[in-house]
Amino acid sequence: MIQPRYRTVAILPMKANSERVPGKNFRVFAGKPLFQWVLDTLLSLETIEAVVINTDARSLLSRHGLVGSDRVLIRDRPEELLGDEVSMNLIIENDINAIDAKTYVMTHTTNPLLSASTISRALSAYVRSVAKGSSDSLFSVSRFQTRFYRGDGTPVNHDPKNLLRTQDLEPWYEENSNLYVFSRESFESTNSRIGANPLLFETSRSESFDIDDQEGWDLAEIVAEYLQLQRSAVSSAKKGQV
């Protein structure tokens, strides 16, 4: 059996334009371009052998000092996959067909606060689950235990006449678009980054930002700057103890 070239690669799609926050992938976010946040995180993980950037913005990346290397594989997006209406699954398929790997990790430039430790834990959970045969893929979720309603005002997950404490309600999970882990086989089974039998992986609120509009940008940047101040204070305290 022929072994794939890579054990684990990350897929990080990146386009030049965005509708609701113009140029957001290259706009400065809490001190550095938005794309650099998650890219730096991915490259900090030794288990990720390469990061595949499928893009229509090679010149913009170059202008920001990013060129292809052994660990950063920049791929020019085919013309038929350009535009805002193209399914992300088609872009992933294009990468999978070009880059052979056992495991693919996908995230987005719009997830700047996703941490290396969370990605590492997700990979470990995926490997364990696949080994047991209990799942074929993984995607990140945000957990909610609150009262939901449909647009017409009818309750979804509770009885207004019998008010349970919110912590006693059935948890609901939102796909938060932060992280996906899958294989070629699981992708081909559904033509999707979420396989036929996925594992839901919960991520913390502080890491689960998916910047989609200006308000989301502003909130995520406030959290990023706060976390930077925290790390700086901890570092200063440690230096003072030496």
Protein backbone atom coordinates (compact mmCIF):
# COMPACT_ATOMS: atom_id res chain seq x y z
CA MET A 1 0.00 0.00 0.00
CA ILE A 2 1.39 3.38 -1.04
CA GLN A 3 1.70 5.74 1.90
CA PRO A 4 0.56 9.37 1.44
CA ARG A 5 3.29 11.97 1.13
CA TYR A 6 2.20 13.78 4.29
CA ARG A 7 0.78 12.52 7.56
CA THR A 8 -1.03 15.76 8.43
CA VAL A 9 -1.49 18.96 6.45
CA ALA A 10 -3.55 22.05 7.18
CA ILE A 11 -5.83 23.60 4.58
CA LEU A 12 -6.07 27.39 4.92
CA PRO A 13 -8.04 28.95 2.01
CA MET A 14 -7.45 32.64 1.48
CA LYS A 15 -9.01 35.07 -0.99
CA ALA A 16 -8.22 38.69 -1.78
CA ASN A 17 -11.67 40.17 -1.32
CA SER A 18 -14.50 39.76 1.15
CA GLU A 19 -17.98 41.22 1.03
CA ARG A 20 -18.77 42.44 4.54
CA VAL A 21 -15.30 43.40 5.79
CA PRO A 22 -13.35 44.55 2.71
CA GLY A 23 -9.85 43.08 2.49
CA LYS A 24 -10.17 41.52 5.94
CA ASN A 25 -7.68 38.70 5.40
CA PHE A 26 -4.86 41.22 4.95
CA ARG A 27 -6.10 43.95 7.25
CA VAL A 28 -4.15 44.54 10.47
CA PHE A 29 -5.82 42.81 13.40
CA ALA A 30 -4.42 43.50 16.89
CA GLY A 31 -0.96 44.26 15.52
CA LYS A 32 -0.52 41.97 12.51
CA PRO A 33 -2.41 40.94 9.35
CA LEU A 34 -5.42 38.78 10.12
CA PHE A 35 -4.17 35.82 8.07
CA GLN A 36 -0.92 35.74 10.04
CA TRP A 37 -2.64 34.85 13.31
CA VAL A 38 -3.88 31.38 12.45
CA LEU A 39 -0.99 30.73 10.06
CA ASP A 40 1.53 31.30 12.86
CA THR A 41 -0.51 29.00 15.10
CA LEU A 42 -0.57 26.21 12.52
CA LEU A 43 3.16 26.51 11.83
CA SER A 44 3.90 26.28 15.56
CA LEU A 45 2.58 22.69 15.57
CA GLU A 46 5.19 20.10 14.61
CA THR A 47 2.45 17.58 13.83
CA ILE A 48 1.32 19.76 10.92
CA GLU A 49 3.87 19.12 8.20
CA ALA A 50 2.60 21.69 5.72
CA VAL A 51 0.00 24.45 5.40
CA VAL A 52 -1.79 24.58 2.04
CA ILE A 53 -2.98 28.06 1.04
CA ASN A 54 -5.41 27.95 -1.87
CA THR A 55 -5.62 31.58 -3.00
CA ASP A 56 -6.30 34.19 -5.65
CA ALA A 57 -4.02 36.60 -3.78
CA ARG A 58 -0.46 35.35 -4.26
CA SER A 59 0.78 38.89 -4.95
CA LEU A 60 -0.86 40.21 -1.77
CA LEU A 61 0.75 37.43 0.25
CA SER A 62 4.11 38.25 -1.29
CA ARG A 63 3.62 41.91 -0.42
CA HIS A 64 3.19 40.80 3.20
CA GLY A 65 6.38 38.75 3.06
CA LEU A 66 4.79 35.34 2.60
CA VAL A 67 6.14 33.14 -0.19
CA GLY A 68 6.04 29.40 -0.72
CA SER A 69 8.33 27.10 1.26
CA ASP A 70 8.61 23.47 2.35
CA ARG A 71 5.93 24.07 4.98
CA VAL A 72 3.83 26.73 3.26
CA LEU A 73 2.40 25.46 -0.03
CA ILE A 74 0.78 28.34 -1.93
CA ARG A 75 -1.60 27.17 -4.66
CA ASP A 76 -3.18 29.49 -7.22
CA ARG A 77 -6.94 29.00 -7.21
CA PRO A 78 -8.25 27.79 -10.58
CA GLU A 79 -10.39 30.24 -12.51
CA GLU A 80 -13.46 28.01 -12.26
CA LEU A 81 -13.24 28.20 -8.45
CA LEU A 82 -13.03 32.00 -8.23
CA GLY A 83 -15.87 34.05 -6.79
CA ASP A 84 -17.94 34.34 -3.64
CA GLU A 85 -20.58 31.80 -4.66
CA VAL A 86 -18.22 28.82 -5.04
CA SER A 87 -18.73 26.06 -2.47
CA MET A 88 -15.84 25.68 -0.05
CA ASN A 89 -16.10 21.92 -0.52
CA LEU A 90 -15.02 22.35 -4.16
CA ILE A 91 -11.95 24.29 -3.05
CA ILE A 92 -11.12 21.60 -0.48
CA GLU A 93 -11.54 18.92 -3.15
CA ASN A 94 -9.10 20.80 -5.36
CA ASP A 95 -6.51 20.80 -2.57
CA ILE A 96 -7.05 17.15 -1.66
CA ASN A 97 -6.57 16.10 -5.28
CA ALA A 98 -3.27 17.98 -5.43
CA ILE A 99 -1.85 17.31 -1.94
CA ASP A 100 -1.82 13.72 -0.72
CA ALA A 101 -2.11 13.36 3.06
CA LYS A 102 -3.47 10.92 5.61
CA THR A 103 -5.16 13.65 7.65
CA TYR A 104 -6.37 17.11 6.68
CA VAL A 105 -6.97 19.90 9.18
CA MET A 106 -8.97 22.85 7.92
CA THR A 107 -9.42 26.25 9.47
CA HIS A 108 -9.89 29.83 8.25
CA THR A 109 -8.05 33.13 8.46
CA THR A 110 -11.19 34.43 10.17
CA ASN A 111 -10.47 32.26 13.25
CA PRO A 112 -7.53 34.25 14.69
CA LEU A 113 -7.93 33.19 18.33
CA LEU A 114 -7.90 29.45 17.77
CA SER A 115 -4.99 28.14 19.85
CA ALA A 116 -2.32 25.58 19.08
CA SER A 117 -3.32 23.54 22.14
CA THR A 118 -6.94 23.34 20.95
CA ILE A 119 -5.89 22.20 17.47
CA SER A 120 -3.58 19.63 19.04
CA ARG A 121 -6.36 18.33 21.31
CA ALA A 122 -8.74 18.10 18.35
CA LEU A 123 -6.21 16.10 16.34
CA SER A 124 -5.68 13.71 19.24
CA ALA A 125 -9.45 13.29 19.72
CA TYR A 126 -9.86 12.61 16.00
CA VAL A 127 -7.09 9.99 15.94
CA ARG A 128 -8.51 8.19 18.99
CA SER A 129 -12.03 8.24 17.61
CA VAL A 130 -11.01 6.95 14.17
CA ALA A 131 -8.90 4.20 15.77
CA LYS A 132 -11.96 3.04 17.74
CA GLY A 133 -14.13 3.20 14.64
CA SER A 134 -16.55 5.59 16.30
CA SER A 135 -16.15 8.48 13.83
CA ASP A 136 -14.61 9.36 10.49
CA SER A 137 -14.16 13.12 10.85
CA LEU A 138 -14.33 15.98 13.36
CA PHE A 139 -15.72 19.49 13.41
CA SER A 140 -15.70 22.17 16.09
CA VAL A 141 -18.86 23.35 17.80
CA SER A 142 -20.06 25.89 20.33
CA ARG A 143 -22.34 24.56 23.06
CA PHE A 144 -25.56 26.39 23.98
CA GLN A 145 -27.95 25.71 26.80
CA THR A 146 -30.54 28.43 26.39
CA ARG A 147 -34.10 28.79 25.14
CA PHE A 148 -34.48 28.79 21.37
CA TYR A 149 -37.52 29.87 19.32
CA ARG A 150 -38.54 29.64 15.69
CA GLY A 151 -39.31 32.76 13.70
CA ASP A 152 -43.03 32.43 14.45
CA GLY A 153 -42.39 32.43 18.20
CA THR A 154 -42.90 28.72 18.86
CA PRO A 155 -40.38 27.16 21.24
CA VAL A 156 -37.78 24.75 19.88
CA ASN A 157 -36.14 23.05 22.84
CA HIS A 158 -38.27 23.86 25.87
CA ASP A 159 -41.78 24.23 27.24
CA PRO A 160 -42.55 27.84 28.29
CA LYS A 161 -45.18 26.47 30.71
CA ASN A 162 -42.56 24.38 32.49
CA LEU A 163 -39.50 26.56 32.91
CA LEU A 164 -36.47 24.42 33.56
CA ARG A 165 -33.22 26.03 34.60
CA THR A 166 -31.16 26.75 31.50
CA GLN A 167 -28.39 24.48 32.78
CA ASP A 168 -30.92 21.62 32.79
CA LEU A 169 -31.96 22.13 29.17
CA GLU A 170 -30.71 19.78 26.47
CA PRO A 171 -27.47 21.19 25.03
CA TRP A 172 -27.55 22.33 21.41
CA TYR A 173 -24.42 22.62 19.32
CA GLU A 174 -23.57 25.18 16.65
CA GLU A 175 -21.05 24.43 13.92
CA ASN A 176 -18.71 27.37 14.55
CA SER A 177 -16.55 27.05 11.39
CA ASN A 178 -13.31 27.07 13.37
CA LEU A 179 -11.87 23.63 12.80
CA TYR A 180 -12.41 20.51 10.70
CA VAL A 181 -10.38 17.29 10.63
CA PHE A 182 -10.97 14.62 7.99
CA SER A 183 -9.38 12.13 5.62
CA ARG A 184 -9.63 11.75 1.86
CA GLU A 185 -11.93 8.77 2.42
CA SER A 186 -14.32 10.62 4.73
CA PHE A 187 -14.42 13.59 2.36
CA GLU A 188 -15.22 11.37 -0.59
CA SER A 189 -18.00 9.62 1.33
CA THR A 190 -20.02 12.84 1.57
CA ASN A 191 -18.20 15.28 -0.78
CA SER A 192 -17.87 17.41 2.30
CA ARG A 193 -15.38 18.29 5.03
CA ILE A 194 -17.87 16.73 7.48
CA GLY A 195 -17.94 12.98 6.97
CA ALA A 196 -20.77 10.50 7.42
CA ASN A 197 -20.05 9.93 11.12
CA PRO A 198 -18.45 13.06 12.60
CA LEU A 199 -17.16 13.74 16.09
CA LEU A 200 -18.35 17.05 17.58
CA PHE A 201 -15.48 18.88 19.29
CA GLU A 202 -16.40 21.70 21.64
CA THR A 203 -14.24 24.84 21.62
CA SER A 204 -14.25 27.66 24.15
CA ARG A 205 -16.06 30.93 23.52
CA SER A 206 -12.83 32.92 23.75
CA GLU A 207 -11.35 30.94 20.84
CA SER A 208 -14.45 30.42 18.71
CA PHE A 209 -14.69 33.75 16.93
CA ASP A 210 -15.38 33.47 13.20
CA ILE A 211 -15.08 37.01 11.88
CA ASP A 212 -17.85 37.61 9.36
CA ASP A 213 -18.72 41.29 9.79
CA GLN A 214 -17.36 44.48 11.33
CA GLU A 215 -19.00 43.88 14.71
CA GLY A 216 -17.43 40.42 14.84
CA TRP A 217 -14.07 41.95 13.94
CA ASP A 218 -14.33 44.56 16.69
CA LEU A 219 -15.29 42.03 19.39
CA ALA A 220 -12.57 39.56 18.40
CA GLU A 221 -9.94 42.30 18.33
CA ILE A 222 -10.90 43.45 21.83
CA VAL A 223 -10.46 39.88 23.11
CA ALA A 224 -7.14 39.48 21.23
CA GLU A 225 -5.74 42.68 22.69
CA TYR A 226 -6.90 41.69 26.18
CA LEU A 227 -5.19 38.30 25.86
CA GLN A 228 -2.01 40.00 24.65
CA LEU A 229 -2.03 42.24 27.73
CA GLN A 230 -2.55 39.19 29.94
CA ARG A 231 0.39 37.35 28.39
CA SER A 232 2.56 40.44 28.67
CA ALA A 233 1.70 40.82 32.36
CA VAL A 234 2.48 37.15 33.06
CA SER A 235 5.79 37.43 31.21
CA SER A 236 6.75 40.56 33.15
CA ALA A 237 5.86 38.88 36.45
CA LYS A 238 8.05 35.87 35.60
CA LYS A 239 10.98 38.10 34.71
CA GLY A 240 10.56 39.92 38.00
CA GLN A 241 10.84 36.62 39.87
CA VAL A 242 14.18 35.70 38.26
